[in-house]
PDB file of N, CA and C in Angstrom:
ATOM      1  N   UNK A   1      -8.610  -4.627 -10.056  1.00  0.00           N
ATOM      2  CA  UNK A   1      -7.237  -4.217 -10.144  1.00  0.00           C
ATOM      3  C   UNK A   1      -6.842  -4.036 -11.601  1.00  0.00           C
ATOM      4  N   UNK A   2      -5.918  -3.145 -11.854  1.00  0.00           N
ATOM      5  CA  UNK A   2      -5.341  -2.924 -13.173  1.00  0.00           C
ATOM      6  C   UNK A   2      -3.861  -3.262 -13.059  1.00  0.00           C
ATOM      7  N   UNK A   3      -3.358  -4.084 -13.976  1.00  0.00           N
ATOM      8  CA  UNK A   3      -1.972  -4.543 -13.897  1.00  0.00           C
ATOM      9  C   UNK A   3      -1.178  -4.102 -15.131  1.00  0.00           C
ATOM     10  N   UNK A   4       0.143  -4.270 -15.060  1.00  0.00           N
ATOM     11  CA  UNK A   4       1.022  -3.955 -16.186  1.00  0.00           C
ATOM     12  C   UNK A   4       1.934  -5.147 -16.463  1.00  0.00           C
ATOM     13  N   UNK A   5       2.279  -5.328 -17.720  1.00  0.00           N
ATOM     14  CA  UNK A   5       3.259  -6.352 -18.080  1.00  0.00           C
ATOM     15  C   UNK A   5       4.654  -5.770 -17.870  1.00  0.00           C
ATOM     16  N   UNK A   6       5.658  -6.627 -17.894  1.00  0.00           N
ATOM     17  CA  UNK A   6       7.042  -6.166 -17.767  1.00  0.00           C
ATOM     18  C   UNK A   6       7.414  -5.213 -18.898  1.00  0.00           C
ATOM     19  N   UNK A   7       6.934  -5.498 -20.123  1.00  0.00           N
ATOM     20  CA  UNK A   7       7.230  -4.618 -21.267  1.00  0.00           C
ATOM     21  C   UNK A   7       6.610  -3.231 -21.070  1.00  0.00           C
ATOM     22  N   UNK A   8       5.377  -3.201 -20.571  1.00  0.00           N
ATOM     23  CA  UNK A   8       4.709  -1.917 -20.336  1.00  0.00           C
ATOM     24  C   UNK A   8       5.421  -1.151 -19.229  1.00  0.00           C
ATOM     25  N   UNK A   9       5.829  -1.844 -18.196  1.00  0.00           N
ATOM     26  CA  UNK A   9       6.561  -1.214 -17.095  1.00  0.00           C
ATOM     27  C   UNK A   9       7.850  -0.588 -17.610  1.00  0.00           C
ATOM     28  N   UNK A  10       8.616  -1.351 -18.358  1.00  0.00           N
ATOM     29  CA  UNK A  10       9.892  -0.889 -18.890  1.00  0.00           C
ATOM     30  C   UNK A  10       9.713   0.340 -19.779  1.00  0.00           C
ATOM     31  N   UNK A  11       8.727   0.294 -20.673  1.00  0.00           N
ATOM     32  CA  UNK A  11       8.487   1.423 -21.584  1.00  0.00           C
ATOM     33  C   UNK A  11       7.989   2.643 -20.826  1.00  0.00           C
ATOM     34  N   UNK A  12       7.110   2.459 -19.860  1.00  0.00           N
ATOM     35  CA  UNK A  12       6.595   3.584 -19.073  1.00  0.00           C
ATOM     36  C   UNK A  12       7.729   4.273 -18.311  1.00  0.00           C
ATOM     37  N   UNK A  13       8.581   3.483 -17.663  1.00  0.00           N
ATOM     38  CA  UNK A  13       9.709   4.064 -16.926  1.00  0.00           C
ATOM     39  C   UNK A  13      10.651   4.802 -17.864  1.00  0.00           C
ATOM     40  N   UNK A  14      10.891   4.241 -19.029  1.00  0.00           N
ATOM     41  CA  UNK A  14      11.753   4.872 -20.028  1.00  0.00           C
ATOM     42  C   UNK A  14      11.166   6.210 -20.492  1.00  0.00           C
ATOM     43  N   UNK A  15       9.867   6.227 -20.774  1.00  0.00           N
ATOM     44  CA  UNK A  15       9.215   7.466 -21.222  1.00  0.00           C
ATOM     45  C   UNK A  15       9.182   8.523 -20.120  1.00  0.00           C
ATOM     46  N   UNK A  16       8.908   8.095 -18.886  1.00  0.00           N
ATOM     47  CA  UNK A  16       8.892   9.052 -17.774  1.00  0.00           C
ATOM     48  C   UNK A  16      10.267   9.700 -17.598  1.00  0.00           C
ATOM     49  N   UNK A  17      11.304   8.903 -17.749  1.00  0.00           N
ATOM     50  CA  UNK A  17      12.660   9.433 -17.618  1.00  0.00           C
ATOM     51  C   UNK A  17      12.975  10.375 -18.779  1.00  0.00           C
ATOM     52  N   UNK A  18      12.619   9.982 -19.999  1.00  0.00           N
ATOM     53  CA  UNK A  18      12.875  10.808 -21.180  1.00  0.00           C
ATOM     54  C   UNK A  18      12.126  12.140 -21.115  1.00  0.00           C
ATOM     55  N   UNK A  19      10.951  12.136 -20.492  1.00  0.00           N
ATOM     56  CA  UNK A  19      10.134  13.350 -20.374  1.00  0.00           C
ATOM     57  C   UNK A  19      10.402  14.104 -19.073  1.00  0.00           C
ATOM     58  N   UNK A  20      11.422  13.663 -18.331  1.00  0.00           N
ATOM     59  CA  UNK A  20      11.804  14.308 -17.060  1.00  0.00           C
ATOM     60  C   UNK A  20      10.640  14.429 -16.084  1.00  0.00           C
ATOM     61  N   UNK A  21       9.853  13.365 -15.989  1.00  0.00           N
ATOM     62  CA  UNK A  21       8.738  13.347 -15.029  1.00  0.00           C
ATOM     63  C   UNK A  21       9.297  13.220 -13.617  1.00  0.00           C
ATOM     64  N   UNK A  22       8.656  13.835 -12.637  1.00  0.00           N
ATOM     65  CA  UNK A  22       9.139  13.720 -11.252  1.00  0.00           C
ATOM     66  C   UNK A  22       9.000  12.293 -10.724  1.00  0.00           C
ATOM     67  N   UNK A  23       9.707  12.012  -9.653  1.00  0.00           N
ATOM     68  CA  UNK A  23       9.726  10.660  -9.073  1.00  0.00           C
ATOM     69  C   UNK A  23       8.342  10.181  -8.643  1.00  0.00           C
ATOM     70  N   UNK A  24       7.430  11.102  -8.324  1.00  0.00           N
ATOM     71  CA  UNK A  24       6.092  10.702  -7.875  1.00  0.00           C
ATOM     72  C   UNK A  24       5.087  10.580  -9.025  1.00  0.00           C
ATOM     73  N   UNK A  25       5.546  10.627 -10.261  1.00  0.00           N
ATOM     74  CA  UNK A  25       4.651  10.501 -11.418  1.00  0.00           C
ATOM     75  C   UNK A  25       4.081   9.089 -11.485  1.00  0.00           C
ATOM     76  N   UNK A  26       2.881   8.984 -12.033  1.00  0.00           N
ATOM     77  CA  UNK A  26       2.219   7.695 -12.187  1.00  0.00           C
ATOM     78  C   UNK A  26       1.496   7.651 -13.520  1.00  0.00           C
ATOM     79  N   UNK A  27       1.002   6.462 -13.861  1.00  0.00           N
ATOM     80  CA  UNK A  27       0.212   6.294 -15.079  1.00  0.00           C
ATOM     81  C   UNK A  27      -1.250   6.490 -14.730  1.00  0.00           C
ATOM     82  N   UNK A  28      -1.908   7.406 -15.429  1.00  0.00           N
ATOM     83  CA  UNK A  28      -3.357   7.597 -15.274  1.00  0.00           C
ATOM     84  C   UNK A  28      -4.026   6.976 -16.497  1.00  0.00           C
ATOM     85  N   UNK A  29      -4.929   6.029 -16.246  1.00  0.00           N
ATOM     86  CA  UNK A  29      -5.702   5.414 -17.320  1.00  0.00           C
ATOM     87  C   UNK A  29      -7.166   5.779 -17.124  1.00  0.00           C
ATOM     88  N   UNK A  30      -7.894   5.764 -18.227  1.00  0.00           N
ATOM     89  CA  UNK A  30      -9.305   6.089 -18.137  1.00  0.00           C
ATOM     90  C   UNK A  30     -10.035   5.710 -19.412  1.00  0.00           C
ATOM     91  N   UNK A  31     -11.311   6.012 -19.429  1.00  0.00           N
ATOM     92  CA  UNK A  31     -12.187   5.725 -20.546  1.00  0.00           C
ATOM     93  C   UNK A  31     -12.954   6.995 -20.871  1.00  0.00           C
ATOM     94  N   UNK A  32     -13.056   7.298 -22.163  1.00  0.00           N
ATOM     95  CA  UNK A  32     -13.826   8.446 -22.629  1.00  0.00           C
ATOM     96  C   UNK A  32     -14.768   7.978 -23.730  1.00  0.00           C
ATOM     97  N   UNK A  33     -15.863   8.694 -23.920  1.00  0.00           N
ATOM     98  CA  UNK A  33     -16.769   8.383 -25.016  1.00  0.00           C
ATOM     99  C   UNK A  33     -16.113   8.732 -26.335  1.00  0.00           C
ATOM    100  N   UNK A  34     -16.344   7.902 -27.360  1.00  0.00           N
ATOM    101  CA  UNK A  34     -15.795   8.179 -28.679  1.00  0.00           C
ATOM    102  C   UNK A  34     -15.186   6.947 -29.303  1.00  0.00           C
ATOM    103  N   UNK A  35     -14.526   7.153 -30.413  1.00  0.00           N
ATOM    104  CA  UNK A  35     -13.919   6.048 -31.130  1.00  0.00           C
ATOM    105  C   UNK A  35     -14.955   5.289 -31.940  1.00  0.00           C
ATOM    106  N   UNK A  36     -14.480   4.402 -32.778  1.00  0.00           N
ATOM    107  CA  UNK A  36     -15.401   3.693 -33.670  1.00  0.00           C
ATOM    108  C   UNK A  36     -16.218   2.616 -32.962  1.00  0.00           C
ATOM    109  N   UNK A  37     -15.838   2.241 -31.747  1.00  0.00           N
ATOM    110  CA  UNK A  37     -16.618   1.237 -31.003  1.00  0.00           C
ATOM    111  C   UNK A  37     -17.432   1.829 -29.856  1.00  0.00           C
ATOM    112  N   UNK A  38     -17.318   3.132 -29.622  1.00  0.00           N
ATOM    113  CA  UNK A  38     -18.143   3.784 -28.605  1.00  0.00           C
ATOM    114  C   UNK A  38     -17.389   4.326 -27.405  1.00  0.00           C
ATOM    115  N   UNK A  39     -16.332   3.634 -26.973  1.00  0.00           N
ATOM    116  CA  UNK A  39     -15.519   4.086 -25.843  1.00  0.00           C
ATOM    117  C   UNK A  39     -14.051   4.027 -26.247  1.00  0.00           C
ATOM    118  N   UNK A  40     -13.281   4.977 -25.781  1.00  0.00           N
ATOM    119  CA  UNK A  40     -11.869   4.996 -26.124  1.00  0.00           C
ATOM    120  C   UNK A  40     -11.003   5.050 -24.866  1.00  0.00           C
ATOM    121  N   UNK A  41      -9.839   4.455 -24.942  1.00  0.00           N
ATOM    122  CA  UNK A  41      -8.917   4.417 -23.812  1.00  0.00           C
ATOM    123  C   UNK A  41      -8.127   5.713 -23.729  1.00  0.00           C
ATOM    124  N   UNK A  42      -7.760   6.083 -22.504  1.00  0.00           N
ATOM    125  CA  UNK A  42      -6.939   7.248 -22.252  1.00  0.00           C
ATOM    126  C   UNK A  42      -5.786   6.822 -21.361  1.00  0.00           C
ATOM    127  N   UNK A  43      -4.574   7.292 -21.675  1.00  0.00           N
ATOM    128  CA  UNK A  43      -3.388   6.989 -20.887  1.00  0.00           C
ATOM    129  C   UNK A  43      -2.471   8.208 -20.903  1.00  0.00           C
ATOM    130  N   UNK A  44      -2.144   8.722 -19.718  1.00  0.00           N
ATOM    131  CA  UNK A  44      -1.230   9.864 -19.584  1.00  0.00           C
ATOM    132  C   UNK A  44      -0.392   9.674 -18.326  1.00  0.00           C
ATOM    133  N   UNK A  45       0.692  10.413 -18.243  1.00  0.00           N
ATOM    134  CA  UNK A  45       1.464  10.475 -17.005  1.00  0.00           C
ATOM    135  C   UNK A  45       0.922  11.642 -16.206  1.00  0.00           C
ATOM    136  N   UNK A  46       0.812  11.477 -14.897  1.00  0.00           N
ATOM    137  CA  UNK A  46       0.205  12.493 -14.034  1.00  0.00           C
ATOM    138  C   UNK A  46       0.927  12.495 -12.692  1.00  0.00           C
ATOM    139  N   UNK A  47       0.689  13.545 -11.909  1.00  0.00           N
ATOM    140  CA  UNK A  47       1.260  13.623 -10.563  1.00  0.00           C
ATOM    141  C   UNK A  47       0.233  14.040  -9.522  1.00  0.00           C
ATOM    142  N   UNK A  48      -0.997  14.335  -9.957  1.00  0.00           N
ATOM    143  CA  UNK A  48      -2.013  14.815  -9.024  1.00  0.00           C
ATOM    144  C   UNK A  48      -3.138  13.797  -8.848  1.00  0.00           C
ATOM    145  N   UNK A  49      -3.313  13.343  -7.615  1.00  0.00           N
ATOM    146  CA  UNK A  49      -4.419  12.449  -7.297  1.00  0.00           C
ATOM    147  C   UNK A  49      -5.686  13.254  -7.047  1.00  0.00           C
ATOM    148  N   UNK A  50      -6.812  12.697  -7.457  1.00  0.00           N
ATOM    149  CA  UNK A  50      -8.114  13.318  -7.210  1.00  0.00           C
ATOM    150  C   UNK A  50      -8.847  12.475  -6.171  1.00  0.00           C
ATOM    151  N   UNK A  51      -9.772  13.075  -5.431  1.00  0.00           N
ATOM    152  CA  UNK A  51     -10.447  12.347  -4.343  1.00  0.00           C
ATOM    153  C   UNK A  51     -11.128  11.046  -4.777  1.00  0.00           C
ATOM    154  N   UNK A  52     -11.657  10.987  -5.993  1.00  0.00           N
ATOM    155  CA  UNK A  52     -12.394   9.798  -6.430  1.00  0.00           C
ATOM    156  C   UNK A  52     -11.503   8.755  -7.111  1.00  0.00           C
ATOM    157  N   UNK A  53     -10.195   8.983  -7.158  1.00  0.00           N
ATOM    158  CA  UNK A  53      -9.282   8.058  -7.835  1.00  0.00           C
ATOM    159  C   UNK A  53      -9.121   6.732  -7.110  1.00  0.00           C
ATOM    160  N   UNK A  54      -8.952   5.689  -7.898  1.00  0.00           N
ATOM    161  CA  UNK A  54      -8.565   4.372  -7.388  1.00  0.00           C
ATOM    162  C   UNK A  54      -7.088   4.219  -7.728  1.00  0.00           C
ATOM    163  N   UNK A  55      -6.302   3.767  -6.760  1.00  0.00           N
ATOM    164  CA  UNK A  55      -4.856   3.669  -6.931  1.00  0.00           C
ATOM    165  C   UNK A  55      -4.430   2.206  -6.808  1.00  0.00           C
ATOM    166  N   UNK A  56      -3.620   1.765  -7.763  1.00  0.00           N
ATOM    167  CA  UNK A  56      -3.096   0.409  -7.786  1.00  0.00           C
ATOM    168  C   UNK A  56      -1.587   0.480  -7.963  1.00  0.00           C
ATOM    169  N   UNK A  57      -0.903  -0.545  -7.542  1.00  0.00           N
ATOM    170  CA  UNK A  57       0.520  -0.645  -7.815  1.00  0.00           C
ATOM    171  C   UNK A  57       0.812  -2.068  -8.256  1.00  0.00           C
ATOM    172  N   UNK A  58       1.516  -2.170  -9.374  1.00  0.00           N
ATOM    173  CA  UNK A  58       1.887  -3.473  -9.900  1.00  0.00           C
ATOM    174  C   UNK A  58       3.299  -3.380 -10.462  1.00  0.00           C
ATOM    175  N   UNK A  59       4.154  -4.292 -10.043  1.00  0.00           N
ATOM    176  CA  UNK A  59       5.550  -4.340 -10.492  1.00  0.00           C
ATOM    177  C   UNK A  59       6.274  -3.017 -10.238  1.00  0.00           C
ATOM    178  N   UNK A  60       5.884  -2.321  -9.169  1.00  0.00           N
ATOM    179  CA  UNK A  60       6.538  -1.067  -8.819  1.00  0.00           C
ATOM    180  C   UNK A  60       6.028   0.146  -9.574  1.00  0.00           C
ATOM    181  N   UNK A  61       5.000  -0.009 -10.388  1.00  0.00           N
ATOM    182  CA  UNK A  61       4.409   1.094 -11.150  1.00  0.00           C
ATOM    183  C   UNK A  61       3.063   1.444 -10.530  1.00  0.00           C
ATOM    184  N   UNK A  62       2.864   2.731 -10.257  1.00  0.00           N
ATOM    185  CA  UNK A  62       1.572   3.182  -9.730  1.00  0.00           C
ATOM    186  C   UNK A  62       0.649   3.486 -10.900  1.00  0.00           C
ATOM    187  N   UNK A  63      -0.558   2.929 -10.833  1.00  0.00           N
ATOM    188  CA  UNK A  63      -1.586   3.122 -11.853  1.00  0.00           C
ATOM    189  C   UNK A  63      -2.793   3.736 -11.167  1.00  0.00           C
ATOM    190  N   UNK A  64      -3.314   4.804 -11.742  1.00  0.00           N
ATOM    191  CA  UNK A  64      -4.438   5.524 -11.153  1.00  0.00           C
ATOM    192  C   UNK A  64      -5.565   5.597 -12.174  1.00  0.00           C
ATOM    193  N   UNK A  65      -6.786   5.438 -11.677  1.00  0.00           N
ATOM    194  CA  UNK A  65      -7.969   5.429 -12.534  1.00  0.00           C
ATOM    195  C   UNK A  65      -9.119   6.086 -11.788  1.00  0.00           C
ATOM    196  N   UNK A  66      -9.904   6.907 -12.480  1.00  0.00           N
ATOM    197  CA  UNK A  66     -11.079   7.480 -11.824  1.00  0.00           C
ATOM    198  C   UNK A  66     -12.122   6.387 -11.631  1.00  0.00           C
ATOM    199  N   UNK A  67     -13.015   6.600 -10.694  1.00  0.00           N
ATOM    200  CA  UNK A  67     -13.996   5.584 -10.299  1.00  0.00           C
ATOM    201  C   UNK A  67     -14.886   5.134 -11.457  1.00  0.00           C
ATOM    202  N   UNK A  68     -15.357   6.073 -12.263  1.00  0.00           N
ATOM    203  CA  UNK A  68     -16.253   5.731 -13.374  1.00  0.00           C
ATOM    204  C   UNK A  68     -15.526   4.860 -14.404  1.00  0.00           C
ATOM    205  N   UNK A  69     -14.307   5.244 -14.771  1.00  0.00           N
ATOM    206  CA  UNK A  69     -13.539   4.464 -15.742  1.00  0.00           C
ATOM    207  C   UNK A  69     -13.212   3.077 -15.209  1.00  0.00           C
ATOM    208  N   UNK A  70     -13.000   2.978 -13.900  1.00  0.00           N
ATOM    209  CA  UNK A  70     -12.637   1.692 -13.307  1.00  0.00           C
ATOM    210  C   UNK A  70     -13.702   0.634 -13.562  1.00  0.00           C
ATOM    211  N   UNK A  71     -14.956   1.046 -13.612  1.00  0.00           N
ATOM    212  CA  UNK A  71     -16.039   0.093 -13.889  1.00  0.00           C
ATOM    213  C   UNK A  71     -15.835  -0.606 -15.232  1.00  0.00           C
ATOM    214  N   UNK A  72     -15.226   0.086 -16.192  1.00  0.00           N
ATOM    215  CA  UNK A  72     -14.956  -0.480 -17.515  1.00  0.00           C
ATOM    216  C   UNK A  72     -13.602  -1.187 -17.584  1.00  0.00           C
ATOM    217  N   UNK A  73     -12.687  -0.836 -16.673  1.00  0.00           N
ATOM    218  CA  UNK A  73     -11.311  -1.315 -16.772  1.00  0.00           C
ATOM    219  C   UNK A  73     -10.912  -2.361 -15.728  1.00  0.00           C
ATOM    220  N   UNK A  74     -11.801  -2.723 -14.817  1.00  0.00           N
ATOM    221  CA  UNK A  74     -11.457  -3.692 -13.776  1.00  0.00           C
ATOM    222  C   UNK A  74     -10.934  -4.984 -14.422  1.00  0.00           C
ATOM    223  N   UNK A  75      -9.787  -5.433 -13.970  1.00  0.00           N
ATOM    224  CA  UNK A  75      -9.179  -6.645 -14.503  1.00  0.00           C
ATOM    225  C   UNK A  75      -8.322  -6.435 -15.736  1.00  0.00           C
ATOM    226  N   UNK A  76      -8.180  -5.195 -16.188  1.00  0.00           N
ATOM    227  CA  UNK A  76      -7.418  -4.904 -17.403  1.00  0.00           C
ATOM    228  C   UNK A  76      -5.919  -5.011 -17.156  1.00  0.00           C
ATOM    229  N   UNK A  77      -5.214  -5.479 -18.176  1.00  0.00           N
ATOM    230  CA  UNK A  77      -3.756  -5.534 -18.154  1.00  0.00           C
ATOM    231  C   UNK A  77      -3.233  -4.564 -19.202  1.00  0.00           C
ATOM    232  N   UNK A  78      -2.332  -3.691 -18.787  1.00  0.00           N
ATOM    233  CA  UNK A  78      -1.697  -2.742 -19.694  1.00  0.00           C
ATOM    234  C   UNK A  78      -0.431  -3.387 -20.242  1.00  0.00           C
ATOM    235  N   UNK A  79      -0.320  -3.451 -21.559  1.00  0.00           N
ATOM    236  CA  UNK A  79       0.819  -4.078 -22.214  1.00  0.00           C
ATOM    237  C   UNK A  79       1.449  -3.073 -23.171  1.00  0.00           C
ATOM    238  N   UNK A  80       2.620  -3.407 -23.674  1.00  0.00           N
ATOM    239  CA  UNK A  80       3.282  -2.579 -24.681  1.00  0.00           C
ATOM    240  C   UNK A  80       3.768  -3.491 -25.790  1.00  0.00           C
ATOM    241  N   UNK A  81       3.527  -3.090 -27.027  1.00  0.00           N
ATOM    242  CA  UNK A  81       3.982  -3.874 -28.163  1.00  0.00           C
ATOM    243  C   UNK A  81       4.773  -2.985 -29.106  1.00  0.00           C
ATOM    244  N   UNK A  82       5.770  -3.577 -29.722  1.00  0.00           N
ATOM    245  CA  UNK A  82       6.547  -2.839 -30.722  1.00  0.00           C
ATOM    246  C   UNK A  82       6.662  -3.672 -31.995  1.00  0.00           C
ATOM    247  N   UNK A  83       5.622  -4.444 -32.253  1.00  0.00           N
ATOM    248  CA  UNK A  83       5.602  -5.346 -33.404  1.00  0.00           C
ATOM    249  C   UNK A  83       5.255  -4.646 -34.707  1.00  0.00           C
ATOM    250  N   UNK A  84       5.220  -5.423 -35.768  1.00  0.00           N
ATOM    251  CA  UNK A  84       4.935  -4.895 -37.101  1.00  0.00           C
ATOM    252  C   UNK A  84       3.499  -4.414 -37.256  1.00  0.00           C
ATOM    253  N   UNK A  85       2.581  -4.978 -36.482  1.00  0.00           N
ATOM    254  CA  UNK A  85       1.167  -4.607 -36.601  1.00  0.00           C
ATOM    255  C   UNK A  85       0.791  -3.393 -35.783  1.00  0.00           C
ATOM    256  N   UNK A  86       1.736  -2.752 -35.168  1.00  0.00           N
ATOM    257  CA  UNK A  86       1.441  -1.575 -34.382  1.00  0.00           C
ATOM    258  C   UNK A  86       2.401  -1.448 -33.228  1.00  0.00           C
ATOM    259  N   UNK A  87       2.552  -0.232 -32.774  1.00  0.00           N
ATOM    260  CA  UNK A  87       3.493   0.039 -31.703  1.00  0.00           C
ATOM    261  C   UNK A  87       2.792   0.916 -30.681  1.00  0.00           C
ATOM    262  N   UNK A  88       2.916   0.553 -29.418  1.00  0.00           N
ATOM    263  CA  UNK A  88       2.351   1.383 -28.380  1.00  0.00           C
ATOM    264  C   UNK A  88       1.747   0.574 -27.255  1.00  0.00           C
ATOM    265  N   UNK A  89       1.157   1.297 -26.315  1.00  0.00           N
ATOM    266  CA  UNK A  89       0.503   0.663 -25.180  1.00  0.00           C
ATOM    267  C   UNK A  89      -0.813   0.057 -25.640  1.00  0.00           C
ATOM    268  N   UNK A  90      -1.126  -1.114 -25.099  1.00  0.00           N
ATOM    269  CA  UNK A  90      -2.369  -1.802 -25.415  1.00  0.00           C
ATOM    270  C   UNK A  90      -3.086  -2.158 -24.128  1.00  0.00           C
ATOM    271  N   UNK A  91      -4.408  -2.082 -24.154  1.00  0.00           N
ATOM    272  CA  UNK A  91      -5.242  -2.454 -23.030  1.00  0.00           C
ATOM    273  C   UNK A  91      -5.821  -3.833 -23.314  1.00  0.00           C
ATOM    274  N   UNK A  92      -5.458  -4.819 -22.502  1.00  0.00           N
ATOM    275  CA  UNK A  92      -6.057  -6.154 -22.589  1.00  0.00           C
ATOM    276  C   UNK A  92      -7.212  -6.180 -21.595  1.00  0.00           C
ATOM    277  N   UNK A  93      -8.379  -5.819 -22.102  1.00  0.00           N
ATOM    278  CA  UNK A  93      -9.547  -5.576 -21.266  1.00  0.00           C
ATOM    279  C   UNK A  93     -10.531  -6.747 -21.341  1.00  0.00           C
ATOM    280  N   UNK A  94     -10.682  -7.510 -20.258  1.00  0.00           N
ATOM    281  CA  UNK A  94     -11.603  -8.650 -20.279  1.00  0.00           C
ATOM    282  C   UNK A  94     -13.076  -8.233 -20.325  1.00  0.00           C
ATOM    283  N   UNK A  95     -13.378  -6.976 -20.088  1.00  0.00           N
ATOM    284  CA  UNK A  95     -14.753  -6.489 -20.092  1.00  0.00           C
ATOM    285  C   UNK A  95     -15.236  -6.068 -21.472  1.00  0.00           C
ATOM    286  N   UNK A  96     -14.317  -5.918 -22.418  1.00  0.00           N
ATOM    287  CA  UNK A  96     -14.683  -5.447 -23.755  1.00  0.00           C
ATOM    288  C   UNK A  96     -15.366  -6.561 -24.532  1.00  0.00           C
ATOM    289  N   UNK A  97     -16.556  -6.273 -25.038  1.00  0.00           N
ATOM    290  CA  UNK A  97     -17.271  -7.254 -25.847  1.00  0.00           C
ATOM    291  C   UNK A  97     -16.894  -7.114 -27.322  1.00  0.00           C
ATOM    292  N   UNK A  98     -16.362  -5.934 -27.669  1.00  0.00           N
ATOM    293  CA  UNK A  98     -15.990  -5.660 -29.054  1.00  0.00           C
ATOM    294  C   UNK A  98     -14.898  -4.598 -29.048  1.00  0.00           C
ATOM    295  N   UNK A  99     -13.884  -4.753 -29.899  1.00  0.00           N
ATOM    296  CA  UNK A  99     -12.842  -3.734 -30.042  1.00  0.00           C
ATOM    297  C   UNK A  99     -12.693  -3.391 -31.510  1.00  0.00           C
ATOM    298  N   UNK A 100     -12.178  -2.207 -31.775  1.00  0.00           N
ATOM    299  CA  UNK A 100     -11.961  -1.812 -33.162  1.00  0.00           C
ATOM    300  C   UNK A 100     -10.631  -2.408 -33.637  1.00  0.00           C
ATOM    301  N   UNK A 101     -10.358  -2.314 -34.910  1.00  0.00           N
ATOM    302  CA  UNK A 101      -9.153  -2.875 -35.478  1.00  0.00           C
ATOM    303  C   UNK A 101      -7.877  -2.279 -34.929  1.00  0.00           C
ATOM    304  N   UNK A 102      -7.905  -0.993 -34.586  1.00  0.00           N
ATOM    305  CA  UNK A 102      -6.689  -0.335 -34.086  1.00  0.00           C
ATOM    306  C   UNK A 102      -6.473  -0.609 -32.592  1.00  0.00           C
ATOM    307  N   UNK A 103      -7.487  -1.115 -31.904  1.00  0.00           N
ATOM    308  CA  UNK A 103      -7.348  -1.437 -30.480  1.00  0.00           C
ATOM    309  C   UNK A 103      -7.483  -0.257 -29.548  1.00  0.00           C
ATOM    310  N   UNK A 104      -7.857   0.905 -30.083  1.00  0.00           N
ATOM    311  CA  UNK A 104      -7.955   2.100 -29.244  1.00  0.00           C
ATOM    312  C   UNK A 104      -9.366   2.366 -28.744  1.00  0.00           C
ATOM    313  N   UNK A 105     -10.343   1.655 -29.250  1.00  0.00           N
ATOM    314  CA  UNK A 105     -11.705   1.840 -28.745  1.00  0.00           C
ATOM    315  C   UNK A 105     -12.361   0.478 -28.561  1.00  0.00           C
ATOM    316  N   UNK A 106     -13.425   0.485 -27.751  1.00  0.00           N
ATOM    317  CA  UNK A 106     -14.087  -0.771 -27.400  1.00  0.00           C
ATOM    318  C   UNK A 106     -15.523  -0.505 -27.014  1.00  0.00           C
ATOM    319  N   UNK A 107     -16.265  -1.597 -26.863  1.00  0.00           N
ATOM    320  CA  UNK A 107     -17.648  -1.542 -26.380  1.00  0.00           C
ATOM    321  C   UNK A 107     -17.794  -2.615 -25.315  1.00  0.00           C
ATOM    322  N   UNK A 108     -18.748  -2.402 -24.406  1.00  0.00           N
ATOM    323  CA  UNK A 108     -19.034  -3.403 -23.372  1.00  0.00           C
ATOM    324  C   UNK A 108     -20.449  -3.907 -23.516  1.00  0.00           C
TER     325      UNK A 108
END
């Protein structure tokens, strides 16, 4: 399962509203090759489900992930920070053995 914190939920809903996303919009998360640690996180708003997608709902937010990415993201918590050390969505991934300083890439 992939979960969201209250802060991430609040920010996602705020951004979806600001971007005039339709009511059926959801958060799509995934993993792509690249970044300084080998794999990088992907997060976008989407409205189209694909046959291989895994769908989760936490705190009223729908989160969708493709099957391959899910292998890397199982158990991950999506958070949002607006602190001095950086601002944005963060992936708290228990599967990552190493992350880069910016938190946008990881290795398993």
